[in-house]
N, C-alpha and C. Protein backbone atom coordinates (compact mmCIF):
# COMPACT_ATOMS: atom_id res chain seq x y z
N MET A 1 0.85 -1.17 0.00
CA MET A 1 0.00 0.00 0.00
C MET A 1 0.90 1.24 0.00
N LYS A 2 0.66 2.12 -0.99
CA LYS A 2 1.45 3.34 -1.06
C LYS A 2 1.06 4.30 0.05
N LYS A 3 2.04 5.05 0.46
CA LYS A 3 1.84 6.02 1.53
C LYS A 3 1.10 7.25 0.98
N LEU A 4 0.23 7.81 1.79
CA LEU A 4 -0.46 9.05 1.43
C LEU A 4 0.50 10.21 1.54
N SER A 5 0.30 11.20 0.69
CA SER A 5 1.05 12.44 0.81
C SER A 5 0.71 13.08 2.16
N VAL A 6 1.69 13.68 2.79
CA VAL A 6 1.45 14.33 4.09
C VAL A 6 0.44 15.47 3.97
N GLU A 7 0.22 15.95 2.76
CA GLU A 7 -0.73 17.05 2.58
C GLU A 7 -2.16 16.64 2.93
N TRP A 8 -2.46 15.35 2.85
CA TRP A 8 -3.80 14.88 3.22
C TRP A 8 -4.08 15.08 4.70
N THR A 9 -3.06 15.00 5.53
CA THR A 9 -3.27 15.08 6.98
C THR A 9 -2.57 16.28 7.62
N LYS A 10 -2.10 17.17 6.79
CA LYS A 10 -1.41 18.36 7.29
C LYS A 10 -2.30 19.13 8.26
N GLY A 11 -1.75 19.47 9.40
CA GLY A 11 -2.46 20.23 10.40
C GLY A 11 -3.33 19.39 11.32
N LEU A 12 -3.40 18.10 11.07
CA LEU A 12 -4.21 17.21 11.91
C LEU A 12 -3.30 16.44 12.86
N THR A 13 -3.84 16.05 13.99
CA THR A 13 -3.08 15.25 14.95
C THR A 13 -3.94 14.11 15.47
N GLY A 14 -3.27 13.12 15.97
CA GLY A 14 -3.93 12.01 16.66
C GLY A 14 -5.04 11.36 15.88
N LYS A 15 -6.21 11.29 16.52
CA LYS A 15 -7.37 10.60 15.96
C LYS A 15 -7.85 11.25 14.67
N ASP A 16 -7.80 12.58 14.61
CA ASP A 16 -8.22 13.28 13.39
C ASP A 16 -7.37 12.86 12.20
N LYS A 17 -6.08 12.73 12.43
CA LYS A 17 -5.16 12.32 11.38
C LYS A 17 -5.48 10.91 10.90
N GLU A 18 -5.70 10.01 11.85
CA GLU A 18 -6.05 8.62 11.52
C GLU A 18 -7.38 8.56 10.78
N ASP A 19 -8.35 9.33 11.24
CA ASP A 19 -9.67 9.34 10.60
C ASP A 19 -9.58 9.84 9.16
N MET A 20 -8.80 10.89 8.96
CA MET A 20 -8.65 11.44 7.61
C MET A 20 -8.03 10.41 6.68
N GLU A 21 -6.99 9.74 7.14
CA GLU A 21 -6.35 8.73 6.31
C GLU A 21 -7.33 7.61 5.97
N THR A 22 -8.14 7.20 6.94
CA THR A 22 -9.14 6.15 6.70
C THR A 22 -10.16 6.61 5.65
N VAL A 23 -10.65 7.82 5.80
CA VAL A 23 -11.64 8.35 4.86
C VAL A 23 -11.06 8.42 3.45
N VAL A 24 -9.85 8.94 3.33
CA VAL A 24 -9.22 9.06 2.01
C VAL A 24 -9.01 7.69 1.39
N ARG A 25 -8.49 6.76 2.16
CA ARG A 25 -8.23 5.41 1.63
C ARG A 25 -9.51 4.66 1.26
N HIS A 26 -10.62 4.99 1.89
CA HIS A 26 -11.88 4.34 1.57
C HIS A 26 -12.70 5.10 0.52
N SER A 27 -12.13 6.15 -0.03
CA SER A 27 -12.81 6.96 -1.04
C SER A 27 -12.22 6.71 -2.43
N THR A 28 -11.65 5.56 -2.64
CA THR A 28 -10.92 5.33 -3.89
C THR A 28 -11.81 5.36 -5.13
N ILE A 29 -13.09 5.02 -5.02
CA ILE A 29 -13.95 5.07 -6.21
C ILE A 29 -14.06 6.51 -6.71
N VAL A 30 -14.33 7.43 -5.81
CA VAL A 30 -14.44 8.84 -6.19
C VAL A 30 -13.08 9.39 -6.60
N LEU A 31 -12.05 9.07 -5.84
CA LEU A 31 -10.73 9.60 -6.14
C LEU A 31 -10.18 9.03 -7.44
N GLN A 32 -10.51 7.79 -7.77
CA GLN A 32 -10.08 7.22 -9.05
C GLN A 32 -10.75 7.97 -10.20
N LYS A 33 -12.02 8.32 -10.03
CA LYS A 33 -12.71 9.09 -11.06
C LYS A 33 -12.06 10.46 -11.22
N ILE A 34 -11.71 11.10 -10.12
CA ILE A 34 -11.02 12.39 -10.21
C ILE A 34 -9.68 12.21 -10.93
N LEU A 35 -8.96 11.15 -10.62
CA LEU A 35 -7.69 10.87 -11.29
C LEU A 35 -7.90 10.69 -12.79
N ASP A 36 -8.95 9.99 -13.18
CA ASP A 36 -9.27 9.81 -14.60
C ASP A 36 -9.55 11.14 -15.28
N ILE A 37 -10.30 12.01 -14.59
CA ILE A 37 -10.62 13.33 -15.14
C ILE A 37 -9.34 14.15 -15.30
N VAL A 38 -8.48 14.12 -14.30
CA VAL A 38 -7.20 14.85 -14.37
C VAL A 38 -6.37 14.34 -15.54
N ASP A 39 -6.31 13.03 -15.70
CA ASP A 39 -5.54 12.45 -16.82
C ASP A 39 -6.12 12.88 -18.17
N ASP A 40 -7.46 12.92 -18.27
CA ASP A 40 -8.09 13.38 -19.51
C ASP A 40 -7.72 14.83 -19.80
N LYS A 41 -7.76 15.66 -18.77
CA LYS A 41 -7.44 17.08 -18.96
C LYS A 41 -5.96 17.27 -19.32
N LEU A 42 -5.09 16.47 -18.75
CA LEU A 42 -3.68 16.53 -19.14
C LEU A 42 -3.50 16.12 -20.60
N GLY A 43 -4.26 15.13 -21.04
CA GLY A 43 -4.21 14.72 -22.44
C GLY A 43 -4.65 15.82 -23.38
N VAL A 44 -5.69 16.56 -23.00
CA VAL A 44 -6.16 17.69 -23.81
C VAL A 44 -5.06 18.73 -23.92
N LEU A 45 -4.38 19.02 -22.81
CA LEU A 45 -3.30 20.00 -22.83
C LEU A 45 -2.18 19.55 -23.75
N GLU A 46 -1.86 18.27 -23.73
CA GLU A 46 -0.80 17.75 -24.61
C GLU A 46 -1.18 17.92 -26.07
N ARG A 47 -2.44 17.66 -26.41
CA ARG A 47 -2.87 17.82 -27.80
C ARG A 47 -2.84 19.28 -28.23
N LYS A 48 -3.13 20.20 -27.30
CA LYS A 48 -3.07 21.63 -27.63
C LYS A 48 -1.65 22.04 -27.99
N GLU A 49 -0.68 21.45 -27.32
CA GLU A 49 0.71 21.81 -27.58
C GLU A 49 1.15 21.34 -28.96
N ILE A 50 0.53 20.32 -29.47
CA ILE A 50 0.90 19.78 -30.78
C ILE A 50 0.25 20.58 -31.91
N ASP A 51 -0.77 21.35 -31.60
CA ASP A 51 -1.49 22.15 -32.58
C ASP A 51 -0.61 23.34 -33.01
N PHE A 52 -0.03 23.24 -34.20
CA PHE A 52 0.92 24.26 -34.67
C PHE A 52 0.27 25.61 -34.93
N SER A 53 -1.04 25.67 -35.08
CA SER A 53 -1.69 26.95 -35.30
C SER A 53 -1.55 27.86 -34.09
N THR A 54 -1.29 27.29 -32.94
CA THR A 54 -1.09 28.08 -31.72
C THR A 54 0.10 29.02 -31.89
N TYR A 55 1.13 28.59 -32.60
CA TYR A 55 2.32 29.41 -32.77
C TYR A 55 2.05 30.67 -33.60
N GLU A 56 1.01 30.63 -34.41
CA GLU A 56 0.69 31.78 -35.26
C GLU A 56 0.02 32.91 -34.48
N ASN A 57 -0.44 32.62 -33.30
CA ASN A 57 -1.12 33.61 -32.47
C ASN A 57 -0.08 34.52 -31.81
N SER A 58 -0.29 35.83 -31.93
CA SER A 58 0.68 36.77 -31.35
C SER A 58 0.72 36.68 -29.83
N ALA A 59 -0.31 36.11 -29.22
CA ALA A 59 -0.36 35.95 -27.77
C ALA A 59 0.20 34.61 -27.33
N TYR A 60 0.95 33.94 -28.22
CA TYR A 60 1.46 32.61 -27.93
C TYR A 60 2.15 32.49 -26.56
N PRO A 61 3.05 33.42 -26.20
CA PRO A 61 3.71 33.27 -24.89
C PRO A 61 2.73 33.23 -23.71
N PHE A 62 1.66 34.01 -23.81
CA PHE A 62 0.66 34.03 -22.74
C PHE A 62 -0.17 32.75 -22.74
N ILE A 63 -0.47 32.27 -23.94
CA ILE A 63 -1.21 31.01 -24.06
C ILE A 63 -0.37 29.88 -23.47
N GLN A 64 0.91 29.85 -23.81
CA GLN A 64 1.78 28.79 -23.30
C GLN A 64 1.95 28.88 -21.79
N ALA A 65 2.05 30.09 -21.27
CA ALA A 65 2.15 30.26 -19.82
C ALA A 65 0.88 29.75 -19.13
N HIS A 66 -0.26 30.03 -19.72
CA HIS A 66 -1.53 29.55 -19.17
C HIS A 66 -1.58 28.02 -19.18
N ILE A 67 -1.19 27.42 -20.30
CA ILE A 67 -1.16 25.96 -20.41
C ILE A 67 -0.20 25.37 -19.38
N ASN A 68 0.96 25.99 -19.23
CA ASN A 68 1.95 25.49 -18.26
C ASN A 68 1.40 25.55 -16.83
N GLY A 69 0.68 26.62 -16.51
CA GLY A 69 0.09 26.75 -15.18
C GLY A 69 -0.98 25.70 -14.94
N LYS A 70 -1.82 25.47 -15.95
CA LYS A 70 -2.85 24.44 -15.82
C LYS A 70 -2.22 23.07 -15.63
N ARG A 71 -1.18 22.79 -16.42
CA ARG A 71 -0.51 21.50 -16.31
C ARG A 71 0.09 21.31 -14.92
N ALA A 72 0.74 22.34 -14.41
CA ALA A 72 1.36 22.25 -13.08
C ALA A 72 0.30 21.95 -12.02
N SER A 73 -0.85 22.61 -12.11
CA SER A 73 -1.92 22.36 -11.13
C SER A 73 -2.46 20.95 -11.24
N LEU A 74 -2.70 20.50 -12.46
CA LEU A 74 -3.22 19.14 -12.66
C LEU A 74 -2.21 18.09 -12.20
N GLU A 75 -0.94 18.33 -12.46
CA GLU A 75 0.08 17.37 -12.02
C GLU A 75 0.20 17.34 -10.51
N GLU A 76 -0.04 18.45 -9.85
CA GLU A 76 -0.03 18.49 -8.38
C GLU A 76 -1.19 17.65 -7.83
N ILE A 77 -2.36 17.80 -8.42
CA ILE A 77 -3.50 16.98 -8.01
C ILE A 77 -3.20 15.51 -8.26
N ARG A 78 -2.63 15.22 -9.42
CA ARG A 78 -2.29 13.84 -9.76
C ARG A 78 -1.31 13.25 -8.73
N ARG A 79 -0.36 14.06 -8.31
CA ARG A 79 0.62 13.60 -7.32
C ARG A 79 -0.07 13.25 -6.00
N LEU A 80 -1.07 14.02 -5.61
CA LEU A 80 -1.81 13.74 -4.38
C LEU A 80 -2.59 12.43 -4.47
N LEU A 81 -2.86 11.98 -5.68
CA LEU A 81 -3.66 10.76 -5.88
C LEU A 81 -2.80 9.56 -6.26
N GLU A 82 -1.49 9.70 -6.21
CA GLU A 82 -0.59 8.60 -6.60
C GLU A 82 -0.83 7.33 -5.80
N PHE A 83 -1.26 7.46 -4.56
CA PHE A 83 -1.43 6.29 -3.72
C PHE A 83 -2.47 5.31 -4.28
N ILE A 84 -3.37 5.79 -5.11
CA ILE A 84 -4.42 4.94 -5.68
C ILE A 84 -3.83 3.90 -6.62
N GLU A 85 -2.80 4.27 -7.34
CA GLU A 85 -2.24 3.40 -8.36
C GLU A 85 -1.36 2.29 -7.80
N GLY A 86 -1.09 2.32 -6.51
CA GLY A 86 -0.20 1.36 -5.90
C GLY A 86 -0.82 0.12 -5.53
């Protein structure tokens, strides 16, 4: 069983910490669906990067910065859900 990220129980102590870990570990159906959604959204971002028409837009640097920010956020969420895949 993979270890949960400490972010799941950050700020909690004792019984609250144990309860949170139990709730998260027993929520795998919902969390797996969220992981699937995140993976789909990451796939959409990857396809956008391959679209060469994006380079023709004068706002390309801003578009790319926006895509990079979205990817970073989605990858952070994905990292929090890594324990599901173990």
